[in-house]
Amino acid sequence: MTAPEPTILATSGGHLVGSRQRVLFDALVHHAVELSGVHGRRPKVLYIGTAIGDAEHFAFRMAEAARIAGFDLMPLNLFPMPNVEDVEGTVLGQDVVWVMGGSVANLLAVWRVHGLDRVLRSAWQAGVVLSGVSAGSICWFQGGVTDSFGPELRPLTDGLGFLPYGNGVHYDSDPGRRPLIHRLVAEGALPTSHCTDDGVGLVYHGTRLTEAVTEIPGKAAYTVVPGGTSQAEGSGGGSAVEERIEPRRLPPVGG
């Protein structure tokens, strides 16, 4: 555990398609490793695929992506049972945790059954960098917007709460997410929320947002706060204000 303080990188990206591989690690995953401060050895990355039911084919792709990136990757599976005897020791022995997207509602339920929510909090406090994409972003917050329950987007308000904000992912690629985040913040169902376009990540030290970063030019992050007038807000129930955050461009992978 090498990060000097609790660190989270919450993203709407991190993966790209290679010329020969289905999945490679893009700049956001590399930045999570950089935040851990590892040097002089291969970084240890724990991959958690609970949100897609621990799909074995994707774990294989992630292992191949890690090999190419020069990381040692271990999957933590919870289906049909944990694949390691000492879950806490395994998590605490990593440099970075990368959580795959999928169903954040299912992810939270399964983690809580196995006590992984408690283990991840301990790891975060110990300096293991927590990171992930989509569901693997929302989970660290008070809540957000999800399609876990069906095609129609719905609020989720029982996240792990390591970070005292709401979280909006895929802010530019899914047109329903922005207006629903605005409405939930305006109504008080979510607190002030931090949102990311695809390819953008948010860096937190402790619970403080310290930087937005991107692997794709022209993308942005946003803060949505209650009060004022919002173009994306409907009538009634208060209003919300959105402020754009210009992210720092990360070096391209291999560049």
C-alpha atoms as a PDB file:
ATOM      1  CA  MET A   1       0.000   0.000   0.000  1.00  0.00           C
ATOM      2  CA  THR A   2       1.918   2.983  -1.276  1.00  0.00           C
ATOM      3  CA  ALA A   3      -0.525   5.877  -1.771  1.00  0.00           C
ATOM      4  CA  PRO A   4       0.243   8.470   0.948  1.00  0.00           C
ATOM      5  CA  GLU A   5      -3.431   9.118   1.705  1.00  0.00           C
ATOM      6  CA  PRO A   6      -6.830   7.559   0.871  1.00  0.00           C
ATOM      7  CA  THR A   7      -7.200   7.857  -2.905  1.00  0.00           C
ATOM      8  CA  ILE A   8     -10.049   7.165  -5.332  1.00  0.00           C
ATOM      9  CA  LEU A   9     -10.098   7.520  -9.118  1.00  0.00           C
ATOM     10  CA  ALA A  10     -13.732   7.427 -10.290  1.00  0.00           C
ATOM     11  CA  THR A  11     -14.121   7.192 -14.061  1.00  0.00           C
ATOM     12  CA  SER A  12     -16.234   6.782 -17.155  1.00  0.00           C
ATOM     13  CA  GLY A  13     -13.375   5.171 -19.063  1.00  0.00           C
ATOM     14  CA  GLY A  14     -10.128   3.273 -18.814  1.00  0.00           C
ATOM     15  CA  HIS A  15     -10.530   0.652 -21.556  1.00  0.00           C
ATOM     16  CA  LEU A  16      -9.783   0.689 -25.273  1.00  0.00           C
ATOM     17  CA  VAL A  17      -9.858  -1.819 -28.121  1.00  0.00           C
ATOM     18  CA  GLY A  18      -6.474  -2.903 -29.421  1.00  0.00           C
ATOM     19  CA  SER A  19      -5.494  -4.009 -32.884  1.00  0.00           C
ATOM     20  CA  ARG A  20      -5.274  -7.634 -31.701  1.00  0.00           C
ATOM     21  CA  GLN A  21      -6.933  -7.526 -28.268  1.00  0.00           C
ATOM     22  CA  ARG A  22     -10.557  -6.872 -27.316  1.00  0.00           C
ATOM     23  CA  VAL A  23      -9.527  -4.850 -24.254  1.00  0.00           C
ATOM     24  CA  LEU A  24      -6.431  -2.814 -23.405  1.00  0.00           C
ATOM     25  CA  PHE A  25      -5.865  -0.516 -20.447  1.00  0.00           C
ATOM     26  CA  ASP A  26      -6.154   3.115 -21.455  1.00  0.00           C
ATOM     27  CA  ALA A  27      -4.632   6.108 -19.700  1.00  0.00           C
ATOM     28  CA  LEU A  28      -7.060   6.173 -16.756  1.00  0.00           C
ATOM     29  CA  VAL A  29      -6.053   2.697 -15.536  1.00  0.00           C
ATOM     30  CA  HIS A  30      -2.397   3.654 -15.916  1.00  0.00           C
ATOM     31  CA  HIS A  31      -3.115   6.813 -13.918  1.00  0.00           C
ATOM     32  CA  ALA A  32      -4.641   4.764 -11.092  1.00  0.00           C
ATOM     33  CA  VAL A  33      -1.376   2.827 -10.927  1.00  0.00           C
ATOM     34  CA  GLU A  34       0.603   6.074 -11.013  1.00  0.00           C
ATOM     35  CA  LEU A  35      -1.447   7.400  -8.080  1.00  0.00           C
ATOM     36  CA  SER A  36      -0.425   4.352  -6.032  1.00  0.00           C
ATOM     37  CA  GLY A  37       3.205   5.456  -6.218  1.00  0.00           C
ATOM     38  CA  VAL A  38       4.518   1.987  -7.050  1.00  0.00           C
ATOM     39  CA  HIS A  39       8.070   1.903  -8.338  1.00  0.00           C
ATOM     40  CA  GLY A  40      10.808  -0.687  -8.623  1.00  0.00           C
ATOM     41  CA  ARG A  41       8.433  -3.616  -9.149  1.00  0.00           C
ATOM     42  CA  ARG A  42       5.379  -4.665 -11.125  1.00  0.00           C
ATOM     43  CA  PRO A  43       2.186  -3.000  -9.828  1.00  0.00           C
ATOM     44  CA  LYS A  44      -0.398  -5.301  -8.246  1.00  0.00           C
ATOM     45  CA  VAL A  45      -3.922  -4.671  -9.539  1.00  0.00           C
ATOM     46  CA  LEU A  46      -7.013  -6.387  -8.161  1.00  0.00           C
ATOM     47  CA  TYR A  47      -9.810  -6.722 -10.724  1.00  0.00           C
ATOM     48  CA  ILE A  48     -13.364  -6.965  -9.337  1.00  0.00           C
ATOM     49  CA  GLY A  49     -16.009  -7.988 -11.870  1.00  0.00           C
ATOM     50  CA  THR A  50     -18.995  -8.413  -9.537  1.00  0.00           C
ATOM     51  CA  ALA A  51     -21.122  -5.982 -11.565  1.00  0.00           C
ATOM     52  CA  ILE A  52     -21.020  -8.349 -14.567  1.00  0.00           C
ATOM     53  CA  GLY A  53     -21.416 -11.512 -12.501  1.00  0.00           C
ATOM     54  CA  ASP A  54     -17.674 -12.327 -12.474  1.00  0.00           C
ATOM     55  CA  ALA A  55     -17.829 -13.133 -16.187  1.00  0.00           C
ATOM     56  CA  GLU A  56     -14.835 -15.384 -16.837  1.00  0.00           C
ATOM     57  CA  HIS A  57     -14.320 -14.284 -20.429  1.00  0.00           C
ATOM     58  CA  PHE A  58     -13.910 -10.672 -19.374  1.00  0.00           C
ATOM     59  CA  ALA A  59     -11.573 -11.556 -16.511  1.00  0.00           C
ATOM     60  CA  PHE A  60      -9.412 -13.289 -19.121  1.00  0.00           C
ATOM     61  CA  ARG A  61      -9.394 -10.142 -21.266  1.00  0.00           C
ATOM     62  CA  MET A  62      -8.436  -8.020 -18.267  1.00  0.00           C
ATOM     63  CA  ALA A  63      -5.593 -10.387 -17.418  1.00  0.00           C
ATOM     64  CA  GLU A  64      -4.293 -10.070 -20.982  1.00  0.00           C
ATOM     65  CA  ALA A  65      -4.592  -6.263 -20.804  1.00  0.00           C
ATOM     66  CA  ALA A  66      -2.620  -6.291 -17.550  1.00  0.00           C
ATOM     67  CA  ARG A  67       0.102  -8.504 -19.043  1.00  0.00           C
ATOM     68  CA  ILE A  68       0.556  -6.080 -21.919  1.00  0.00           C
ATOM     69  CA  ALA A  69       0.595  -3.097 -19.531  1.00  0.00           C
ATOM     70  CA  GLY A  70       3.188  -4.726 -17.279  1.00  0.00           C
ATOM     71  CA  PHE A  71       0.884  -5.193 -14.273  1.00  0.00           C
ATOM     72  CA  ASP A  72       0.267  -8.247 -12.115  1.00  0.00           C
ATOM     73  CA  LEU A  73      -3.515  -8.660 -12.080  1.00  0.00           C
ATOM     74  CA  MET A  74      -5.596 -10.868  -9.816  1.00  0.00           C
ATOM     75  CA  PRO A  75      -9.364 -11.286 -10.117  1.00  0.00           C
ATOM     76  CA  LEU A  76     -11.458 -11.288  -6.958  1.00  0.00           C
ATOM     77  CA  ASN A  77     -14.533 -13.405  -7.677  1.00  0.00           C
ATOM     78  CA  LEU A  78     -17.557 -13.720  -5.409  1.00  0.00           C
ATOM     79  CA  PHE A  79     -19.573 -16.111  -7.653  1.00  0.00           C
ATOM     80  CA  PRO A  80     -20.337 -18.845  -6.730  1.00  0.00           C
ATOM     81  CA  MET A  81     -18.121 -18.214  -3.684  1.00  0.00           C
ATOM     82  CA  PRO A  82     -15.018 -16.111  -3.001  1.00  0.00           C
ATOM     83  CA  ASN A  83     -12.062 -17.471  -4.962  1.00  0.00           C
ATOM     84  CA  VAL A  84      -9.613 -16.730  -2.116  1.00  0.00           C
ATOM     85  CA  GLU A  85      -9.704 -17.821   1.518  1.00  0.00           C
ATOM     86  CA  ASP A  86      -8.544 -14.488   2.946  1.00  0.00           C
ATOM     87  CA  VAL A  87     -10.501 -11.776   1.131  1.00  0.00           C
ATOM     88  CA  GLU A  88      -9.330  -8.965   3.394  1.00  0.00           C
ATOM     89  CA  GLY A  89      -5.677  -9.938   3.193  1.00  0.00           C
ATOM     90  CA  THR A  90      -5.928 -10.261  -0.579  1.00  0.00           C
ATOM     91  CA  VAL A  91      -7.439  -6.791  -1.007  1.00  0.00           C
ATOM     92  CA  LEU A  92      -5.010  -5.146   1.431  1.00  0.00           C
ATOM     93  CA  GLY A  93      -2.093  -6.712  -0.441  1.00  0.00           C
ATOM     94  CA  GLN A  94      -2.873  -4.820  -3.665  1.00  0.00           C
ATOM     95  CA  ASP A  95      -1.698  -1.463  -4.982  1.00  0.00           C
ATOM     96  CA  VAL A  96      -4.844  -0.718  -7.011  1.00  0.00           C
ATOM     97  CA  VAL A  97      -8.406  -2.020  -7.105  1.00  0.00           C
ATOM     98  CA  TRP A  98     -10.146  -1.699 -10.487  1.00  0.00           C
ATOM     99  CA  VAL A  99     -13.924  -2.307 -10.439  1.00  0.00           C
ATOM    100  CA  MET A 100     -15.664  -3.171 -13.701  1.00  0.00           C
ATOM    101  CA  GLY A 101     -18.929  -1.574 -14.796  1.00  0.00           C
ATOM    102  CA  GLY A 102     -22.295  -3.311 -15.020  1.00  0.00           C
ATOM    103  CA  SER A 103     -25.032  -3.407 -12.387  1.00  0.00           C
ATOM    104  CA  VAL A 104     -24.093  -1.182  -9.454  1.00  0.00           C
ATOM    105  CA  ALA A 105     -27.194  -2.304  -7.528  1.00  0.00           C
ATOM    106  CA  ASN A 106     -26.200  -5.965  -7.777  1.00  0.00           C
ATOM    107  CA  LEU A 107     -22.577  -5.123  -7.010  1.00  0.00           C
ATOM    108  CA  LEU A 108     -23.519  -3.360  -3.760  1.00  0.00           C
ATOM    109  CA  ALA A 109     -25.822  -6.153  -2.636  1.00  0.00           C
ATOM    110  CA  VAL A 110     -23.242  -8.895  -3.200  1.00  0.00           C
ATOM    111  CA  TRP A 111     -20.398  -6.894  -1.659  1.00  0.00           C
ATOM    112  CA  ARG A 112     -22.455  -6.302   1.492  1.00  0.00           C
ATOM    113  CA  VAL A 113     -23.370  -9.974   1.842  1.00  0.00           C
ATOM    114  CA  HIS A 114     -19.668 -10.874   1.814  1.00  0.00           C
ATOM    115  CA  GLY A 115     -18.485  -7.908   3.907  1.00  0.00           C
ATOM    116  CA  LEU A 116     -16.441  -6.566   1.001  1.00  0.00           C
ATOM    117  CA  ASP A 117     -17.790  -3.065   1.644  1.00  0.00           C
ATOM    118  CA  ARG A 118     -16.012  -3.051   5.015  1.00  0.00           C
ATOM    119  CA  VAL A 119     -12.844  -4.555   3.542  1.00  0.00           C
ATOM    120  CA  LEU A 120     -12.688  -1.934   0.786  1.00  0.00           C
ATOM    121  CA  ARG A 121     -13.079   0.883   3.296  1.00  0.00           C
ATOM    122  CA  SER A 122     -10.138  -0.516   5.260  1.00  0.00           C
ATOM    123  CA  ALA A 123      -8.100  -0.809   2.058  1.00  0.00           C
ATOM    124  CA  TRP A 124      -8.922   2.775   1.066  1.00  0.00           C
ATOM    125  CA  GLN A 125      -7.848   4.043   4.479  1.00  0.00           C
ATOM    126  CA  ALA A 126      -4.662   1.978   4.244  1.00  0.00           C
ATOM    127  CA  GLY A 127      -3.598   3.506   0.914  1.00  0.00           C
ATOM    128  CA  VAL A 128      -4.841   1.033  -1.686  1.00  0.00           C
ATOM    129  CA  VAL A 129      -6.048   3.127  -4.649  1.00  0.00           C
ATOM    130  CA  LEU A 130      -9.726   2.419  -5.340  1.00  0.00           C
ATOM    131  CA  SER A 131     -10.801   2.945  -8.930  1.00  0.00           C
ATOM    132  CA  GLY A 132     -13.177   1.743 -11.588  1.00  0.00           C
ATOM    133  CA  VAL A 133     -15.518   2.569 -14.433  1.00  0.00           C
ATOM    134  CA  SER A 134     -19.274   3.274 -14.485  1.00  0.00           C
ATOM    135  CA  ALA A 135     -20.733   1.046 -11.725  1.00  0.00           C
ATOM    136  CA  GLY A 136     -17.136   0.899 -10.495  1.00  0.00           C
ATOM    137  CA  SER A 137     -17.310   4.677 -10.130  1.00  0.00           C
ATOM    138  CA  ILE A 138     -20.798   5.179  -8.671  1.00  0.00           C
ATOM    139  CA  CYS A 139     -20.214   2.610  -5.923  1.00  0.00           C
ATOM    140  CA  TRP A 140     -17.772   4.853  -4.004  1.00  0.00           C
ATOM    141  CA  PHE A 141     -20.302   7.714  -3.714  1.00  0.00           C
ATOM    142  CA  GLN A 142     -23.573   8.336  -1.880  1.00  0.00           C
ATOM    143  CA  GLY A 143     -25.361   7.347  -5.064  1.00  0.00           C
ATOM    144  CA  GLY A 144     -26.075   8.223  -8.656  1.00  0.00           C
ATOM    145  CA  VAL A 145     -28.141   7.264 -11.672  1.00  0.00           C
ATOM    146  CA  THR A 146     -28.288   3.671 -12.893  1.00  0.00           C
ATOM    147  CA  ASP A 147     -29.900   1.310 -15.394  1.00  0.00           C
ATOM    148  CA  SER A 148     -29.443  -1.596 -12.953  1.00  0.00           C
ATOM    149  CA  PHE A 149     -33.215  -2.022 -12.630  1.00  0.00           C
ATOM    150  CA  GLY A 150     -34.140  -1.839 -16.311  1.00  0.00           C
ATOM    151  CA  PRO A 151     -33.749   0.300 -19.452  1.00  0.00           C
ATOM    152  CA  GLU A 152     -35.297   3.333 -17.756  1.00  0.00           C
ATOM    153  CA  LEU A 153     -32.749   5.165 -15.632  1.00  0.00           C
ATOM    154  CA  ARG A 154     -33.488   5.262 -11.898  1.00  0.00           C
ATOM    155  CA  PRO A 155     -31.834   6.817  -8.850  1.00  0.00           C
ATOM    156  CA  LEU A 156     -29.560   4.821  -6.588  1.00  0.00           C
ATOM    157  CA  THR A 157     -29.032   6.380  -3.160  1.00  0.00           C
ATOM    158  CA  ASP A 158     -27.383   3.652  -1.066  1.00  0.00           C
ATOM    159  CA  GLY A 159     -23.819   3.666  -2.376  1.00  0.00           C
ATOM    160  CA  LEU A 160     -20.871   2.935  -0.105  1.00  0.00           C
ATOM    161  CA  GLY A 161     -20.597   6.635   0.745  1.00  0.00           C
ATOM    162  CA  PHE A 162     -16.817   6.792   0.994  1.00  0.00           C
ATOM    163  CA  LEU A 163     -17.215  10.056  -0.938  1.00  0.00           C
ATOM    164  CA  PRO A 164     -20.010  12.398   0.281  1.00  0.00           C
ATOM    165  CA  TYR A 165     -21.313  13.277  -3.192  1.00  0.00           C
ATOM    166  CA  GLY A 166     -23.521  11.926  -5.929  1.00  0.00           C
ATOM    167  CA  ASN A 167     -21.900  10.624  -9.099  1.00  0.00           C
ATOM    168  CA  GLY A 168     -22.967  10.792 -12.735  1.00  0.00           C
ATOM    169  CA  VAL A 169     -21.239   8.610 -15.333  1.00  0.00           C
ATOM    170  CA  HIS A 170     -21.452   8.529 -19.155  1.00  0.00           C
ATOM    171  CA  TYR A 171     -22.636  12.111 -18.928  1.00  0.00           C
ATOM    172  CA  ASP A 172     -22.191  12.869 -22.621  1.00  0.00           C
ATOM    173  CA  SER A 173     -23.123   9.512 -24.180  1.00  0.00           C
ATOM    174  CA  ASP A 174     -26.403   8.689 -22.405  1.00  0.00           C
ATOM    175  CA  PRO A 175     -28.819  11.611 -22.841  1.00  0.00           C
ATOM    176  CA  GLY A 176     -31.035  10.609 -19.914  1.00  0.00           C
ATOM    177  CA  ARG A 177     -28.382  10.858 -17.239  1.00  0.00           C
ATOM    178  CA  ARG A 178     -27.810  14.621 -17.135  1.00  0.00           C
ATOM    179  CA  PRO A 179     -31.460  15.696 -16.606  1.00  0.00           C
ATOM    180  CA  LEU A 180     -32.040  13.010 -13.977  1.00  0.00           C
ATOM    181  CA  ILE A 181     -28.912  13.991 -12.031  1.00  0.00           C
ATOM    182  CA  HIS A 182     -30.096  17.615 -12.140  1.00  0.00           C
ATOM    183  CA  ARG A 183     -33.543  16.666 -10.866  1.00  0.00           C
ATOM    184  CA  LEU A 184     -32.241  14.464  -8.065  1.00  0.00           C
ATOM    185  CA  VAL A 185     -29.816  17.147  -6.879  1.00  0.00           C
ATOM    186  CA  ALA A 186     -32.516  19.831  -7.082  1.00  0.00           C
ATOM    187  CA  GLU A 187     -34.915  17.694  -5.036  1.00  0.00           C
ATOM    188  CA  GLY A 188     -32.284  16.754  -2.466  1.00  0.00           C
ATOM    189  CA  ALA A 189     -32.389  13.030  -3.295  1.00  0.00           C
ATOM    190  CA  LEU A 190     -28.681  13.304  -4.130  1.00  0.00           C
ATOM    191  CA  PRO A 191     -26.148  15.707  -2.633  1.00  0.00           C
ATOM    192  CA  THR A 192     -23.858  17.864  -4.759  1.00  0.00           C
ATOM    193  CA  SER A 193     -22.819  15.524  -7.577  1.00  0.00           C
ATOM    194  CA  HIS A 194     -19.662  15.073  -9.611  1.00  0.00           C
ATOM    195  CA  CYS A 195     -20.111  13.816 -13.175  1.00  0.00           C
ATOM    196  CA  THR A 196     -17.858  12.592 -15.977  1.00  0.00           C
ATOM    197  CA  ASP A 197     -18.036  12.422 -19.747  1.00  0.00           C
ATOM    198  CA  ASP A 198     -16.797   9.173 -21.280  1.00  0.00           C
ATOM    199  CA  GLY A 199     -13.022   9.009 -20.971  1.00  0.00           C
ATOM    200  CA  VAL A 200     -12.848  11.296 -17.931  1.00  0.00           C
ATOM    201  CA  GLY A 201     -11.847  10.478 -14.350  1.00  0.00           C
ATOM    202  CA  LEU A 202     -12.038  12.283 -11.001  1.00  0.00           C
ATOM    203  CA  VAL A 203      -9.195  12.061  -8.468  1.00  0.00           C
ATOM    204  CA  TYR A 204     -10.038  12.266  -4.762  1.00  0.00           C
ATOM    205  CA  HIS A 205      -7.544  12.505  -1.916  1.00  0.00           C
ATOM    206  CA  GLY A 206      -9.460  11.736   1.223  1.00  0.00           C
ATOM    207  CA  THR A 207     -12.910  13.060   0.342  1.00  0.00           C
ATOM    208  CA  ARG A 208     -11.594  16.116  -1.513  1.00  0.00           C
ATOM    209  CA  LEU A 209     -11.842  16.325  -5.303  1.00  0.00           C
ATOM    210  CA  THR A 210      -8.334  17.327  -6.333  1.00  0.00           C
ATOM    211  CA  GLU A 211      -8.275  16.930 -10.113  1.00  0.00           C
ATOM    212  CA  ALA A 212     -10.173  15.868 -13.215  1.00  0.00           C
ATOM    213  CA  VAL A 213      -8.203  13.967 -15.870  1.00  0.00           C
ATOM    214  CA  THR A 214      -9.077  12.668 -19.323  1.00  0.00           C
ATOM    215  CA  GLU A 215      -7.815  10.191 -21.881  1.00  0.00           C
ATOM    216  CA  ILE A 216      -9.918  11.779 -24.669  1.00  0.00           C
ATOM    217  CA  PRO A 217      -9.481  15.404 -25.826  1.00  0.00           C
ATOM    218  CA  GLY A 218     -12.476  17.721 -25.594  1.00  0.00           C
ATOM    219  CA  LYS A 219     -14.215  15.845 -22.768  1.00  0.00           C
ATOM    220  CA  ALA A 220     -15.072  17.349 -19.370  1.00  0.00           C
ATOM    221  CA  ALA A 221     -16.203  16.771 -15.813  1.00  0.00           C
ATOM    222  CA  TYR A 222     -19.007  18.645 -14.051  1.00  0.00           C
ATOM    223  CA  THR A 223     -20.203  19.639 -10.601  1.00  0.00           C
ATOM    224  CA  VAL A 224     -23.971  19.832 -10.101  1.00  0.00           C
ATOM    225  CA  VAL A 225     -25.107  21.771  -7.027  1.00  0.00           C
ATOM    226  CA  PRO A 226     -28.590  22.654  -5.764  1.00  0.00           C
ATOM    227  CA  GLY A 227     -30.014  26.141  -6.296  1.00  0.00           C
ATOM    228  CA  GLY A 228     -30.298  28.662  -9.104  1.00  0.00           C
ATOM    229  CA  THR A 229     -31.578  27.851 -12.588  1.00  0.00           C
ATOM    230  CA  SER A 230     -30.594  24.798 -14.606  1.00  0.00           C
ATOM    231  CA  GLN A 231     -31.143  24.412 -18.332  1.00  0.00           C
ATOM    232  CA  ALA A 232     -31.480  20.667 -17.839  1.00  0.00           C
ATOM    233  CA  GLU A 233     -33.954  20.992 -14.983  1.00  0.00           C
ATOM    234  CA  GLY A 234     -37.652  20.485 -15.513  1.00  0.00           C
ATOM    235  CA  SER A 235     -40.401  22.464 -13.849  1.00  0.00           C
ATOM    236  CA  GLY A 236     -41.026  22.150 -10.120  1.00  0.00           C
ATOM    237  CA  GLY A 237     -39.039  20.615  -7.289  1.00  0.00           C
ATOM    238  CA  GLY A 238     -36.285  23.231  -7.128  1.00  0.00           C
ATOM    239  CA  SER A 239     -33.378  23.641  -9.486  1.00  0.00           C
ATOM    240  CA  ALA A 240     -29.705  22.825  -9.912  1.00  0.00           C
ATOM    241  CA  VAL A 241     -26.618  24.538 -11.305  1.00  0.00           C
ATOM    242  CA  GLU A 242     -23.988  22.769 -13.382  1.00  0.00           C
ATOM    243  CA  GLU A 243     -20.369  23.922 -13.532  1.00  0.00           C
ATOM    244  CA  ARG A 244     -17.916  22.526 -16.079  1.00  0.00           C
ATOM    245  CA  ILE A 245     -14.476  21.324 -14.938  1.00  0.00           C
ATOM    246  CA  GLU A 246     -11.748  21.251 -17.581  1.00  0.00           C
ATOM    247  CA  PRO A 247      -9.706  18.065 -17.092  1.00  0.00           C
ATOM    248  CA  ARG A 248      -5.994  17.611 -17.539  1.00  0.00           C
ATOM    249  CA  ARG A 249      -5.124  15.461 -20.567  1.00  0.00           C
ATOM    250  CA  LEU A 250      -3.300  12.305 -19.599  1.00  0.00           C
ATOM    251  CA  PRO A 251      -0.406  11.114 -21.782  1.00  0.00           C
ATOM    252  CA  PRO A 252      -1.665   8.639 -24.401  1.00  0.00           C
ATOM    253  CA  VAL A 253      -0.826   5.024 -23.647  1.00  0.00           C
ATOM    254  CA  GLY A 254       2.356   4.149 -25.526  1.00  0.00           C
ATOM    255  CA  GLY A 255       2.903   7.832 -26.354  1.00  0.00           C
END
